[in-house]
Amino acid sequence: MSAEALVTTLKSMKLHGMASAVAELAEQGAPAYKQSGELLDKLIKAEVAEREVRSINYQMKIAKFPAHKDLSGFDFAESTVAEGQLKALHR
């Protein structure tokens, strides 16, 4: 990831201090930045992914959806719904 993209990602994550530091280190051509670029990229991608997972879990909790159900547990014998038609719509 380029320095500009890294700074943009950090700012979008509201990590403005880190964004400024990365921008300065990249501008200076600091050896520490050059050596840690790949590691920093992986760490930021992991943090973004973790935030997305936490956000989804939080939103699901707040929505108070009932327990997860799918068609594998549906009893078509006790329903007037046509099994073939429902499975076709599901696909």
PDB file of N, CA and C in Angstrom:
ATOM      1  N   MET A   1       0.862  -1.173   0.000  1.00  0.00           N
ATOM      2  CA  MET A   1       0.000   0.000   0.000  1.00  0.00           C
ATOM      3  C   MET A   1       0.906   1.233   0.000  1.00  0.00           C
ATOM      4  N   SER A   2       0.585   2.195  -0.817  1.00  0.00           N
ATOM      5  CA  SER A   2       1.390   3.411  -0.896  1.00  0.00           C
ATOM      6  C   SER A   2       1.192   4.250   0.367  1.00  0.00           C
ATOM      7  N   ALA A   3       2.090   5.177   0.582  1.00  0.00           N
ATOM      8  CA  ALA A   3       2.015   6.035   1.761  1.00  0.00           C
ATOM      9  C   ALA A   3       0.726   6.854   1.762  1.00  0.00           C
ATOM     10  N   GLU A   4       0.329   7.335   0.586  1.00  0.00           N
ATOM     11  CA  GLU A   4      -0.894   8.144   0.502  1.00  0.00           C
ATOM     12  C   GLU A   4      -2.124   7.312   0.859  1.00  0.00           C
ATOM     13  N   ALA A   5      -2.162   6.086   0.352  1.00  0.00           N
ATOM     14  CA  ALA A   5      -3.293   5.198   0.650  1.00  0.00           C
ATOM     15  C   ALA A   5      -3.308   4.833   2.126  1.00  0.00           C
ATOM     16  N   LEU A   6      -2.138   4.637   2.682  1.00  0.00           N
ATOM     17  CA  LEU A   6      -2.023   4.317   4.102  1.00  0.00           C
ATOM     18  C   LEU A   6      -2.535   5.466   4.962  1.00  0.00           C
ATOM     19  N   VAL A   7      -2.147   6.667   4.615  1.00  0.00           N
ATOM     20  CA  VAL A   7      -2.592   7.860   5.352  1.00  0.00           C
ATOM     21  C   VAL A   7      -4.108   8.011   5.231  1.00  0.00           C
ATOM     22  N   THR A   8      -4.642   7.807   4.048  1.00  0.00           N
ATOM     23  CA  THR A   8      -6.089   7.902   3.840  1.00  0.00           C
ATOM     24  C   THR A   8      -6.828   6.874   4.683  1.00  0.00           C
ATOM     25  N   THR A   9      -6.323   5.645   4.695  1.00  0.00           N
ATOM     26  CA  THR A   9      -6.957   4.589   5.487  1.00  0.00           C
ATOM     27  C   THR A   9      -6.905   4.915   6.974  1.00  0.00           C
ATOM     28  N   LEU A  10      -5.768   5.389   7.444  1.00  0.00           N
ATOM     29  CA  LEU A  10      -5.638   5.746   8.857  1.00  0.00           C
ATOM     30  C   LEU A  10      -6.597   6.879   9.230  1.00  0.00           C
ATOM     31  N   LYS A  11      -6.731   7.855   8.355  1.00  0.00           N
ATOM     32  CA  LYS A  11      -7.664   8.954   8.630  1.00  0.00           C
ATOM     33  C   LYS A  11      -9.099   8.457   8.649  1.00  0.00           C
ATOM     34  N   SER A  12      -9.439   7.543   7.749  1.00  0.00           N
ATOM     35  CA  SER A  12     -10.806   7.008   7.730  1.00  0.00           C
ATOM     36  C   SER A  12     -11.098   6.208   8.992  1.00  0.00           C
ATOM     37  N   MET A  13     -10.041   5.690   9.610  1.00  0.00           N
ATOM     38  CA  MET A  13     -10.188   4.950  10.866  1.00  0.00           C
ATOM     39  C   MET A  13     -10.121   5.879  12.081  1.00  0.00           C
ATOM     40  N   LYS A  14     -10.027   7.189  11.800  1.00  0.00           N
ATOM     41  CA  LYS A  14      -9.932   8.218  12.836  1.00  0.00           C
ATOM     42  C   LYS A  14      -8.657   8.083  13.671  1.00  0.00           C
ATOM     43  N   LEU A  15      -7.576   7.698  13.002  1.00  0.00           N
ATOM     44  CA  LEU A  15      -6.259   7.590  13.619  1.00  0.00           C
ATOM     45  C   LEU A  15      -5.378   8.698  13.037  1.00  0.00           C
ATOM     46  N   HIS A  16      -5.784   9.936  13.306  1.00  0.00           N
ATOM     47  CA  HIS A  16      -5.134  11.096  12.694  1.00  0.00           C
ATOM     48  C   HIS A  16      -3.681  11.268  13.131  1.00  0.00           C
ATOM     49  N   GLY A  17      -3.384  10.952  14.372  1.00  0.00           N
ATOM     50  CA  GLY A  17      -2.004  11.051  14.838  1.00  0.00           C
ATOM     51  C   GLY A  17      -1.092  10.093  14.104  1.00  0.00           C
ATOM     52  N   MET A  18      -1.558   8.872  13.937  1.00  0.00           N
ATOM     53  CA  MET A  18      -0.764   7.884  13.201  1.00  0.00           C
ATOM     54  C   MET A  18      -0.643   8.287  11.741  1.00  0.00           C
ATOM     55  N   ALA A  19      -1.710   8.836  11.173  1.00  0.00           N
ATOM     56  CA  ALA A  19      -1.667   9.275   9.777  1.00  0.00           C
ATOM     57  C   ALA A  19      -0.613  10.355   9.587  1.00  0.00           C
ATOM     58  N   SER A  20      -0.561  11.304  10.504  1.00  0.00           N
ATOM     59  CA  SER A  20       0.444  12.373  10.421  1.00  0.00           C
ATOM     60  C   SER A  20       1.853  11.818  10.547  1.00  0.00           C
ATOM     61  N   ALA A  21       2.028  10.890  11.479  1.00  0.00           N
ATOM     62  CA  ALA A  21       3.352  10.305  11.686  1.00  0.00           C
ATOM     63  C   ALA A  21       3.801   9.521  10.462  1.00  0.00           C
ATOM     64  N   VAL A  22       2.897   8.752   9.870  1.00  0.00           N
ATOM     65  CA  VAL A  22       3.242   7.973   8.679  1.00  0.00           C
ATOM     66  C   VAL A  22       3.582   8.907   7.520  1.00  0.00           C
ATOM     67  N   ALA A  23       2.804   9.964   7.365  1.00  0.00           N
ATOM     68  CA  ALA A  23       3.069  10.925   6.292  1.00  0.00           C
ATOM     69  C   ALA A  23       4.449  11.561   6.458  1.00  0.00           C
ATOM     70  N   GLU A  24       4.778  11.943   7.684  1.00  0.00           N
ATOM     71  CA  GLU A  24       6.089  12.552   7.939  1.00  0.00           C
ATOM     72  C   GLU A  24       7.218  11.567   7.689  1.00  0.00           C
ATOM     73  N   LEU A  25       7.058  10.323   8.196  1.00  0.00           N
ATOM     74  CA  LEU A  25       8.105   9.318   8.008  1.00  0.00           C
ATOM     75  C   LEU A  25       8.295   8.979   6.535  1.00  0.00           C
ATOM     76  N   ALA A  26       7.196   8.888   5.800  1.00  0.00           N
ATOM     77  CA  ALA A  26       7.290   8.590   4.371  1.00  0.00           C
ATOM     78  C   ALA A  26       7.951   9.740   3.626  1.00  0.00           C
ATOM     79  N   GLU A  27       7.598  10.971   4.006  1.00  0.00           N
ATOM     80  CA  GLU A  27       8.179  12.156   3.363  1.00  0.00           C
ATOM     81  C   GLU A  27       9.677  12.246   3.612  1.00  0.00           C
ATOM     82  N   GLN A  28      10.103  11.859   4.803  1.00  0.00           N
ATOM     83  CA  GLN A  28      11.516  11.902   5.168  1.00  0.00           C
ATOM     84  C   GLN A  28      12.290  10.721   4.598  1.00  0.00           C
ATOM     85  N   GLY A  29      11.558   9.702   4.151  1.00  0.00           N
ATOM     86  CA  GLY A  29      12.224   8.498   3.663  1.00  0.00           C
ATOM     87  C   GLY A  29      12.892   7.744   4.790  1.00  0.00           C
ATOM     88  N   ALA A  30      12.278   7.791   5.964  1.00  0.00           N
ATOM     89  CA  ALA A  30      12.853   7.171   7.157  1.00  0.00           C
ATOM     90  C   ALA A  30      13.013   5.663   6.974  1.00  0.00           C
ATOM     91  N   PRO A  31      14.179   5.146   7.370  1.00  0.00           N
ATOM     92  CA  PRO A  31      14.414   3.694   7.258  1.00  0.00           C
ATOM     93  C   PRO A  31      13.388   2.879   8.044  1.00  0.00           C
ATOM     94  N   ALA A  32      12.946   3.398   9.187  1.00  0.00           N
ATOM     95  CA  ALA A  32      11.958   2.684  10.006  1.00  0.00           C
ATOM     96  C   ALA A  32      10.656   2.495   9.227  1.00  0.00           C
ATOM     97  N   TYR A  33      10.266   3.507   8.481  1.00  0.00           N
ATOM     98  CA  TYR A  33       9.042   3.408   7.688  1.00  0.00           C
ATOM     99  C   TYR A  33       9.225   2.412   6.552  1.00  0.00           C
ATOM    100  N   LYS A  34      10.355   2.483   5.873  1.00  0.00           N
ATOM    101  CA  LYS A  34      10.602   1.585   4.742  1.00  0.00           C
ATOM    102  C   LYS A  34      10.610   0.121   5.186  1.00  0.00           C
ATOM    103  N   GLN A  35      11.184  -0.146   6.347  1.00  0.00           N
ATOM    104  CA  GLN A  35      11.287  -1.523   6.836  1.00  0.00           C
ATOM    105  C   GLN A  35       9.956  -2.059   7.353  1.00  0.00           C
ATOM    106  N   SER A  36       9.125  -1.190   7.867  1.00  0.00           N
ATOM    107  CA  SER A  36       7.888  -1.648   8.506  1.00  0.00           C
ATOM    108  C   SER A  36       6.648  -1.469   7.636  1.00  0.00           C
ATOM    109  N   GLY A  37       6.812  -1.048   6.417  1.00  0.00           N
ATOM    110  CA  GLY A  37       5.675  -0.773   5.542  1.00  0.00           C
ATOM    111  C   GLY A  37       4.754  -1.969   5.359  1.00  0.00           C
ATOM    112  N   GLU A  38       5.320  -3.134   5.088  1.00  0.00           N
ATOM    113  CA  GLU A  38       4.510  -4.334   4.865  1.00  0.00           C
ATOM    114  C   GLU A  38       3.782  -4.759   6.143  1.00  0.00           C
ATOM    115  N   LEU A  39       4.479  -4.698   7.264  1.00  0.00           N
ATOM    116  CA  LEU A  39       3.863  -5.061   8.543  1.00  0.00           C
ATOM    117  C   LEU A  39       2.734  -4.099   8.884  1.00  0.00           C
ATOM    118  N   LEU A  40       2.968  -2.825   8.705  1.00  0.00           N
ATOM    119  CA  LEU A  40       1.950  -1.815   8.986  1.00  0.00           C
ATOM    120  C   LEU A  40       0.726  -2.025   8.099  1.00  0.00           C
ATOM    121  N   ASP A  41       0.945  -2.351   6.849  1.00  0.00           N
ATOM    122  CA  ASP A  41      -0.152  -2.619   5.918  1.00  0.00           C
ATOM    123  C   ASP A  41      -0.992  -3.797   6.400  1.00  0.00           C
ATOM    124  N   LYS A  42      -0.351  -4.876   6.814  1.00  0.00           N
ATOM    125  CA  LYS A  42      -1.076  -6.057   7.291  1.00  0.00           C
ATOM    126  C   LYS A  42      -1.841  -5.753   8.579  1.00  0.00           C
ATOM    127  N   LEU A  43      -1.224  -5.004   9.474  1.00  0.00           N
ATOM    128  CA  LEU A  43      -1.884  -4.655  10.728  1.00  0.00           C
ATOM    129  C   LEU A  43      -3.127  -3.800  10.490  1.00  0.00           C
ATOM    130  N   ILE A  44      -3.016  -2.852   9.583  1.00  0.00           N
ATOM    131  CA  ILE A  44      -4.156  -1.981   9.293  1.00  0.00           C
ATOM    132  C   ILE A  44      -5.283  -2.770   8.633  1.00  0.00           C
ATOM    133  N   LYS A  45      -4.951  -3.656   7.711  1.00  0.00           N
ATOM    134  CA  LYS A  45      -5.978  -4.480   7.080  1.00  0.00           C
ATOM    135  C   LYS A  45      -6.669  -5.369   8.112  1.00  0.00           C
ATOM    136  N   ALA A  46      -5.903  -5.919   9.056  1.00  0.00           N
ATOM    137  CA  ALA A  46      -6.489  -6.746  10.113  1.00  0.00           C
ATOM    138  C   ALA A  46      -7.416  -5.917  10.990  1.00  0.00           C
ATOM    139  N   GLU A  47      -7.018  -4.696  11.309  1.00  0.00           N
ATOM    140  CA  GLU A  47      -7.855  -3.823  12.140  1.00  0.00           C
ATOM    141  C   GLU A  47      -9.144  -3.439  11.417  1.00  0.00           C
ATOM    142  N   VAL A  48      -9.047  -3.138  10.144  1.00  0.00           N
ATOM    143  CA  VAL A  48     -10.237  -2.793   9.360  1.00  0.00           C
ATOM    144  C   VAL A  48     -11.210  -3.976   9.343  1.00  0.00           C
ATOM    145  N   ALA A  49     -10.690  -5.175   9.117  1.00  0.00           N
ATOM    146  CA  ALA A  49     -11.534  -6.371   9.087  1.00  0.00           C
ATOM    147  C   ALA A  49     -12.186  -6.608  10.450  1.00  0.00           C
ATOM    148  N   GLU A  50     -11.417  -6.454  11.511  1.00  0.00           N
ATOM    149  CA  GLU A  50     -11.954  -6.644  12.864  1.00  0.00           C
ATOM    150  C   GLU A  50     -13.032  -5.622  13.181  1.00  0.00           C
ATOM    151  N   ARG A  51     -12.841  -4.395  12.775  1.00  0.00           N
ATOM    152  CA  ARG A  51     -13.856  -3.362  13.011  1.00  0.00           C
ATOM    153  C   ARG A  51     -15.143  -3.679  12.257  1.00  0.00           C
ATOM    154  N   GLU A  52     -15.018  -4.200  11.049  1.00  0.00           N
ATOM    155  CA  GLU A  52     -16.201  -4.567  10.273  1.00  0.00           C
ATOM    156  C   GLU A  52     -16.977  -5.690  10.961  1.00  0.00           C
ATOM    157  N   VAL A  53     -16.253  -6.689  11.457  1.00  0.00           N
ATOM    158  CA  VAL A  53     -16.897  -7.804  12.158  1.00  0.00           C
ATOM    159  C   VAL A  53     -17.588  -7.309  13.421  1.00  0.00           C
ATOM    160  N   ARG A  54     -16.900  -6.482  14.196  1.00  0.00           N
ATOM    161  CA  ARG A  54     -17.507  -5.951  15.423  1.00  0.00           C
ATOM    162  C   ARG A  54     -18.724  -5.105  15.111  1.00  0.00           C
ATOM    163  N   SER A  55     -18.669  -4.331  14.035  1.00  0.00           N
ATOM    164  CA  SER A  55     -19.794  -3.490  13.647  1.00  0.00           C
ATOM    165  C   SER A  55     -21.005  -4.340  13.278  1.00  0.00           C
ATOM    166  N   ILE A  56     -20.782  -5.373  12.500  1.00  0.00           N
ATOM    167  CA  ILE A  56     -21.885  -6.248  12.110  1.00  0.00           C
ATOM    168  C   ILE A  56     -22.478  -6.931  13.331  1.00  0.00           C
ATOM    169  N   ASN A  57     -21.619  -7.442  14.212  1.00  0.00           N
ATOM    170  CA  ASN A  57     -22.120  -8.094  15.426  1.00  0.00           C
ATOM    171  C   ASN A  57     -22.918  -7.126  16.282  1.00  0.00           C
ATOM    172  N   TYR A  58     -22.438  -5.912  16.410  1.00  0.00           N
ATOM    173  CA  TYR A  58     -23.150  -4.899  17.193  1.00  0.00           C
ATOM    174  C   TYR A  58     -24.510  -4.587  16.564  1.00  0.00           C
ATOM    175  N   GLN A  59     -24.523  -4.400  15.261  1.00  0.00           N
ATOM    176  CA  GLN A  59     -25.770  -4.083  14.573  1.00  0.00           C
ATOM    177  C   GLN A  59     -26.780  -5.224  14.689  1.00  0.00           C
ATOM    178  N   MET A  60     -26.321  -6.462  14.613  1.00  0.00           N
ATOM    179  CA  MET A  60     -27.207  -7.608  14.764  1.00  0.00           C
ATOM    180  C   MET A  60     -27.781  -7.666  16.183  1.00  0.00           C
ATOM    181  N   LYS A  61     -26.935  -7.346  17.153  1.00  0.00           N
ATOM    182  CA  LYS A  61     -27.390  -7.357  18.548  1.00  0.00           C
ATOM    183  C   LYS A  61     -28.433  -6.275  18.783  1.00  0.00           C
ATOM    184  N   ILE A  62     -28.180  -5.081  18.273  1.00  0.00           N
ATOM    185  CA  ILE A  62     -29.096  -3.959  18.444  1.00  0.00           C
ATOM    186  C   ILE A  62     -30.418  -4.216  17.708  1.00  0.00           C
ATOM    187  N   ALA A  63     -30.363  -4.868  16.556  1.00  0.00           N
ATOM    188  CA  ALA A  63     -31.569  -5.143  15.780  1.00  0.00           C
ATOM    189  C   ALA A  63     -32.482  -6.149  16.482  1.00  0.00           C
ATOM    190  N   LYS A  64     -31.902  -6.930  17.380  1.00  0.00           N
ATOM    191  CA  LYS A  64     -32.646  -7.937  18.152  1.00  0.00           C
ATOM    192  C   LYS A  64     -33.414  -8.891  17.243  1.00  0.00           C
ATOM    193  N   PHE A  65     -32.717  -9.362  16.204  1.00  0.00           N
ATOM    194  CA  PHE A  65     -33.315 -10.355  15.330  1.00  0.00           C
ATOM    195  C   PHE A  65     -33.541 -11.644  16.120  1.00  0.00           C
ATOM    196  N   PRO A  66     -34.553 -12.406  15.753  1.00  0.00           N
ATOM    197  CA  PRO A  66     -34.757 -13.695  16.425  1.00  0.00           C
ATOM    198  C   PRO A  66     -33.623 -14.648  16.046  1.00  0.00           C
ATOM    199  N   ALA A  67     -33.624 -15.799  16.632  1.00  0.00           N
ATOM    200  CA  ALA A  67     -32.576 -16.786  16.375  1.00  0.00           C
ATOM    201  C   ALA A  67     -32.462 -17.067  14.883  1.00  0.00           C
ATOM    202  N   HIS A  68     -31.257 -17.328  14.440  1.00  0.00           N
ATOM    203  CA  HIS A  68     -31.005 -17.605  13.020  1.00  0.00           C
ATOM    204  C   HIS A  68     -31.732 -18.883  12.613  1.00  0.00           C
ATOM    205  N   LYS A  69     -32.427 -18.808  11.513  1.00  0.00           N
ATOM    206  CA  LYS A  69     -33.120 -19.975  10.971  1.00  0.00           C
ATOM    207  C   LYS A  69     -32.847 -20.040   9.477  1.00  0.00           C
ATOM    208  N   ASP A  70     -32.835 -21.258   8.952  1.00  0.00           N
ATOM    209  CA  ASP A  70     -32.671 -21.432   7.519  1.00  0.00           C
ATOM    210  C   ASP A  70     -33.626 -22.513   7.027  1.00  0.00           C
ATOM    211  N   LEU A  71     -33.602 -22.787   5.752  1.00  0.00           N
ATOM    212  CA  LEU A  71     -34.543 -23.748   5.168  1.00  0.00           C
ATOM    213  C   LEU A  71     -34.262 -25.186   5.582  1.00  0.00           C
ATOM    214  N   SER A  72     -33.056 -25.482   6.036  1.00  0.00           N
ATOM    215  CA  SER A  72     -32.746 -26.869   6.401  1.00  0.00           C
ATOM    216  C   SER A  72     -33.582 -27.333   7.590  1.00  0.00           C
ATOM    217  N   GLY A  73     -34.006 -26.418   8.444  1.00  0.00           N
ATOM    218  CA  GLY A  73     -34.810 -26.795   9.594  1.00  0.00           C
ATOM    219  C   GLY A  73     -36.302 -26.573   9.407  1.00  0.00           C
ATOM    220  N   PHE A  74     -36.710 -26.147   8.225  1.00  0.00           N
ATOM    221  CA  PHE A  74     -38.121 -25.848   7.976  1.00  0.00           C
ATOM    222  C   PHE A  74     -38.896 -27.131   7.709  1.00  0.00           C
ATOM    223  N   ASP A  75     -40.026 -27.294   8.371  1.00  0.00           N
ATOM    224  CA  ASP A  75     -40.853 -28.483   8.203  1.00  0.00           C
ATOM    225  C   ASP A  75     -41.942 -28.188   7.172  1.00  0.00           C
ATOM    226  N   PHE A  76     -41.734 -28.657   5.959  1.00  0.00           N
ATOM    227  CA  PHE A  76     -42.683 -28.410   4.878  1.00  0.00           C
ATOM    228  C   PHE A  76     -43.978 -29.195   5.070  1.00  0.00           C
ATOM    229  N   ALA A  77     -43.931 -30.288   5.851  1.00  0.00           N
ATOM    230  CA  ALA A  77     -45.121 -31.107   6.070  1.00  0.00           C
ATOM    231  C   ALA A  77     -46.180 -30.339   6.851  1.00  0.00           C
ATOM    232  N   GLU A  78     -45.753 -29.431   7.701  1.00  0.00           N
ATOM    233  CA  GLU A  78     -46.682 -28.668   8.532  1.00  0.00           C
ATOM    234  C   GLU A  78     -47.050 -27.322   7.915  1.00  0.00           C
ATOM    235  N   SER A  79     -46.675 -27.121   6.667  1.00  0.00           N
ATOM    236  CA  SER A  79     -46.919 -25.845   6.018  1.00  0.00           C
ATOM    237  C   SER A  79     -47.657 -26.038   4.698  1.00  0.00           C
ATOM    238  N   THR A  80     -48.320 -24.985   4.294  1.00  0.00           N
ATOM    239  CA  THR A  80     -49.010 -25.030   2.999  1.00  0.00           C
ATOM    240  C   THR A  80     -48.106 -24.525   1.871  1.00  0.00           C
ATOM    241  N   VAL A  81     -46.899 -24.177   2.206  1.00  0.00           N
ATOM    242  CA  VAL A  81     -45.940 -23.656   1.219  1.00  0.00           C
ATOM    243  C   VAL A  81     -45.414 -24.807   0.376  1.00  0.00           C
ATOM    244  N   ALA A  82     -45.318 -24.600  -0.926  1.00  0.00           N
ATOM    245  CA  ALA A  82     -44.780 -25.614  -1.835  1.00  0.00           C
ATOM    246  C   ALA A  82     -43.264 -25.664  -1.697  1.00  0.00           C
ATOM    247  N   GLU A  83     -42.762 -26.816  -1.306  1.00  0.00           N
ATOM    248  CA  GLU A  83     -41.321 -26.969  -1.039  1.00  0.00           C
ATOM    249  C   GLU A  83     -40.470 -26.643  -2.271  1.00  0.00           C
ATOM    250  N   GLY A  84     -40.835 -27.171  -3.410  1.00  0.00           N
ATOM    251  CA  GLY A  84     -40.062 -26.937  -4.637  1.00  0.00           C
ATOM    252  C   GLY A  84     -40.014 -25.470  -5.013  1.00  0.00           C
ATOM    253  N   GLN A  85     -41.150 -24.801  -4.910  1.00  0.00           N
ATOM    254  CA  GLN A  85     -41.218 -23.387  -5.273  1.00  0.00           C
ATOM    255  C   GLN A  85     -40.377 -22.536  -4.320  1.00  0.00           C
ATOM    256  N   LEU A  86     -40.452 -22.832  -3.041  1.00  0.00           N
ATOM    257  CA  LEU A  86     -39.685 -22.076  -2.049  1.00  0.00           C
ATOM    258  C   LEU A  86     -38.187 -22.265  -2.242  1.00  0.00           C
ATOM    259  N   LYS A  87     -37.784 -23.499  -2.507  1.00  0.00           N
ATOM    260  CA  LYS A  87     -36.352 -23.749  -2.722  1.00  0.00           C
ATOM    261  C   LYS A  87     -35.856 -23.103  -4.012  1.00  0.00           C
ATOM    262  N   ALA A  88     -36.729 -23.047  -5.016  1.00  0.00           N
ATOM    263  CA  ALA A  88     -36.359 -22.372  -6.273  1.00  0.00           C
ATOM    264  C   ALA A  88     -36.179 -20.872  -6.023  1.00  0.00           C
ATOM    265  N   LEU A  89     -37.078 -20.302  -5.230  1.00  0.00           N
ATOM    266  CA  LEU A  89     -36.950 -18.881  -4.898  1.00  0.00           C
ATOM    267  C   LEU A  89     -35.708 -18.609  -4.050  1.00  0.00           C
ATOM    268  N   HIS A  90     -35.399 -19.535  -3.198  1.00  0.00           N
ATOM    269  CA  HIS A  90     -34.215 -19.415  -2.339  1.00  0.00           C
ATOM    270  C   HIS A  90     -32.943 -19.367  -3.163  1.00  0.00           C
ATOM    271  N   ARG A  91     -32.880 -20.204  -4.209  1.00  0.00           N
ATOM    272  CA  ARG A  91     -31.692 -20.213  -5.071  1.00  0.00           C
ATOM    273  C   ARG A  91     -31.594 -18.918  -5.815  1.00  0.00           C
TER     274      ARG A  91
END
